[in-house]
Amino acid sequence: MNDKANPPKKSDGERKDRLAEALRANLQKRKAQARSRRAGDPDQRPEGLPSAGKMRKK
């Protein structure tokens, strides 16, 4: 049979270490995103859509 079809399973410890590292990296990325959003300027766009009565006629 082909040995590449069924690779040997990794131990649970290796899997847990890999998942823990991925979780830490994801948390750091989210924290950096939150800090960059707080540091940014607020939007200057008007909220919502204009009503039909406020639209200019041509």
N, C-alpha and C. Protein backbone atom coordinates (compact mmCIF):
# COMPACT_ATOMS: atom_id res chain seq x y z
N MET A 1 0.82 -1.20 0.00
CA MET A 1 0.00 0.00 0.00
C MET A 1 0.86 1.26 0.00
N ASN A 2 0.22 2.36 -0.25
CA ASN A 2 0.90 3.64 -0.31
C ASN A 2 1.00 4.22 1.11
N ASP A 3 2.22 4.44 1.61
CA ASP A 3 2.41 4.97 2.96
C ASP A 3 2.01 6.45 3.07
N LYS A 4 1.99 7.16 1.94
CA LYS A 4 1.64 8.58 1.98
C LYS A 4 0.15 8.80 2.23
N ALA A 5 -0.67 7.79 1.96
CA ALA A 5 -2.11 7.94 2.16
C ALA A 5 -2.46 7.97 3.65
N ASN A 6 -1.69 7.27 4.48
CA ASN A 6 -1.94 7.21 5.92
C ASN A 6 -0.68 7.60 6.68
N PRO A 7 -0.42 8.90 6.81
CA PRO A 7 0.79 9.30 7.54
C PRO A 7 0.64 8.97 9.02
N PRO A 8 1.73 8.75 9.71
CA PRO A 8 1.63 8.45 11.14
C PRO A 8 1.03 9.64 11.89
N LYS A 9 0.18 9.35 12.87
CA LYS A 9 -0.48 10.41 13.62
C LYS A 9 0.52 11.08 14.55
N LYS A 10 0.37 12.39 14.71
CA LYS A 10 1.21 13.13 15.64
C LYS A 10 0.63 12.96 17.04
N SER A 11 1.46 13.12 18.03
CA SER A 11 0.98 12.96 19.41
C SER A 11 0.05 14.11 19.78
N ASP A 12 -0.76 13.87 20.78
CA ASP A 12 -1.70 14.89 21.22
C ASP A 12 -0.98 16.12 21.76
N GLY A 13 0.18 15.92 22.36
CA GLY A 13 0.95 17.04 22.89
C GLY A 13 1.39 17.99 21.80
N GLU A 14 1.83 17.46 20.67
CA GLU A 14 2.25 18.31 19.55
C GLU A 14 1.07 19.09 19.00
N ARG A 15 -0.07 18.44 18.90
CA ARG A 15 -1.27 19.10 18.38
C ARG A 15 -1.70 20.23 19.32
N LYS A 16 -1.71 19.96 20.62
CA LYS A 16 -2.11 20.98 21.59
C LYS A 16 -1.15 22.16 21.56
N ASP A 17 0.15 21.89 21.43
CA ASP A 17 1.13 22.97 21.35
C ASP A 17 0.90 23.83 20.11
N ARG A 18 0.63 23.16 18.99
CA ARG A 18 0.40 23.89 17.73
C ARG A 18 -0.87 24.74 17.83
N LEU A 19 -1.94 24.17 18.40
CA LEU A 19 -3.19 24.92 18.54
C LEU A 19 -3.03 26.09 19.52
N ALA A 20 -2.29 25.88 20.59
CA ALA A 20 -2.06 26.95 21.56
C ALA A 20 -1.29 28.10 20.91
N GLU A 21 -0.29 27.78 20.11
CA GLU A 21 0.48 28.81 19.42
C GLU A 21 -0.40 29.58 18.43
N ALA A 22 -1.26 28.87 17.70
CA ALA A 22 -2.16 29.53 16.76
C ALA A 22 -3.14 30.44 17.50
N LEU A 23 -3.61 30.01 18.65
CA LEU A 23 -4.53 30.82 19.45
C LEU A 23 -3.85 32.09 19.95
N ARG A 24 -2.61 31.97 20.41
CA ARG A 24 -1.86 33.16 20.86
C ARG A 24 -1.64 34.13 19.71
N ALA A 25 -1.29 33.62 18.54
CA ALA A 25 -1.07 34.48 17.38
C ALA A 25 -2.35 35.20 16.98
N ASN A 26 -3.48 34.49 17.03
CA ASN A 26 -4.76 35.09 16.68
C ASN A 26 -5.13 36.18 17.69
N LEU A 27 -4.89 35.93 18.97
CA LEU A 27 -5.20 36.91 20.00
C LEU A 27 -4.36 38.17 19.81
N GLN A 28 -3.08 38.01 19.52
CA GLN A 28 -2.22 39.17 19.29
C GLN A 28 -2.69 39.97 18.08
N LYS A 29 -3.12 39.28 17.03
CA LYS A 29 -3.61 39.97 15.83
C LYS A 29 -4.87 40.77 16.15
N ARG A 30 -5.78 40.18 16.91
CA ARG A 30 -7.02 40.88 17.26
C ARG A 30 -6.74 42.09 18.16
N LYS A 31 -5.80 41.96 19.07
CA LYS A 31 -5.45 43.08 19.94
C LYS A 31 -4.85 44.23 19.12
N ALA A 32 -4.02 43.89 18.16
CA ALA A 32 -3.42 44.92 17.30
C ALA A 32 -4.50 45.62 16.47
N GLN A 33 -5.48 44.86 15.97
CA GLN A 33 -6.58 45.46 15.22
C GLN A 33 -7.38 46.41 16.09
N ALA A 34 -7.67 46.01 17.32
CA ALA A 34 -8.45 46.85 18.22
C ALA A 34 -7.69 48.13 18.55
N ARG A 35 -6.37 48.03 18.78
CA ARG A 35 -5.58 49.23 19.06
C ARG A 35 -5.56 50.18 17.87
N SER A 36 -5.46 49.64 16.67
CA SER A 36 -5.41 50.51 15.49
C SER A 36 -6.76 51.18 15.26
N ARG A 37 -7.84 50.52 15.58
CA ARG A 37 -9.17 51.14 15.43
C ARG A 37 -9.36 52.26 16.43
N ARG A 38 -8.87 52.07 17.66
CA ARG A 38 -9.01 53.12 18.68
C ARG A 38 -8.18 54.34 18.33
N ALA A 39 -7.05 54.16 17.68
CA ALA A 39 -6.15 55.25 17.37
C ALA A 39 -6.62 56.05 16.16
N GLY A 40 -7.51 55.51 15.36
CA GLY A 40 -7.96 56.17 14.14
C GLY A 40 -8.93 57.30 14.40
N ASP A 41 -9.10 58.16 13.42
CA ASP A 41 -10.05 59.25 13.52
C ASP A 41 -11.46 58.73 13.25
N PRO A 42 -12.46 59.35 13.88
CA PRO A 42 -13.84 58.92 13.61
C PRO A 42 -14.24 59.25 12.18
N ASP A 43 -15.20 58.51 11.67
CA ASP A 43 -15.70 58.75 10.32
C ASP A 43 -16.36 60.13 10.24
N GLN A 44 -16.22 60.77 9.10
CA GLN A 44 -16.84 62.07 8.87
C GLN A 44 -18.08 61.94 8.00
N ARG A 45 -18.48 60.71 7.70
CA ARG A 45 -19.62 60.48 6.83
C ARG A 45 -20.92 60.69 7.60
N PRO A 46 -21.96 61.19 6.92
CA PRO A 46 -23.25 61.31 7.60
C PRO A 46 -23.84 59.93 7.85
N GLU A 47 -24.57 59.80 8.93
CA GLU A 47 -25.15 58.51 9.28
C GLU A 47 -26.42 58.26 8.47
N GLY A 48 -26.59 57.08 7.97
CA GLY A 48 -27.81 56.68 7.29
C GLY A 48 -27.96 57.24 5.90
N LEU A 49 -29.13 57.03 5.32
CA LEU A 49 -29.45 57.49 3.98
C LEU A 49 -30.33 58.74 4.07
N PRO A 50 -30.23 59.64 3.12
CA PRO A 50 -31.10 60.82 3.16
C PRO A 50 -32.55 60.40 2.86
N SER A 51 -33.48 61.11 3.48
CA SER A 51 -34.89 60.78 3.22
C SER A 51 -35.29 61.38 1.87
N ALA A 52 -36.44 60.96 1.36
CA ALA A 52 -36.90 61.42 0.04
C ALA A 52 -37.16 62.92 0.05
N GLY A 53 -37.56 63.47 1.18
CA GLY A 53 -37.85 64.90 1.25
C GLY A 53 -36.60 65.77 1.18
N LYS A 54 -35.46 65.24 1.53
CA LYS A 54 -34.22 66.02 1.54
C LYS A 54 -33.45 65.94 0.24
N MET A 55 -33.90 65.14 -0.71
CA MET A 55 -33.19 64.97 -1.98
C MET A 55 -33.45 66.18 -2.86
N ARG A 56 -32.41 66.58 -3.59
CA ARG A 56 -32.55 67.74 -4.48
C ARG A 56 -33.21 67.32 -5.77
N LYS A 57 -34.09 68.18 -6.28
CA LYS A 57 -34.74 67.90 -7.58
C LYS A 57 -33.93 68.53 -8.67
N LYS A 58 -33.88 67.89 -9.81
CA LYS A 58 -33.13 68.41 -10.96
C LYS A 58 -34.04 69.11 -11.92
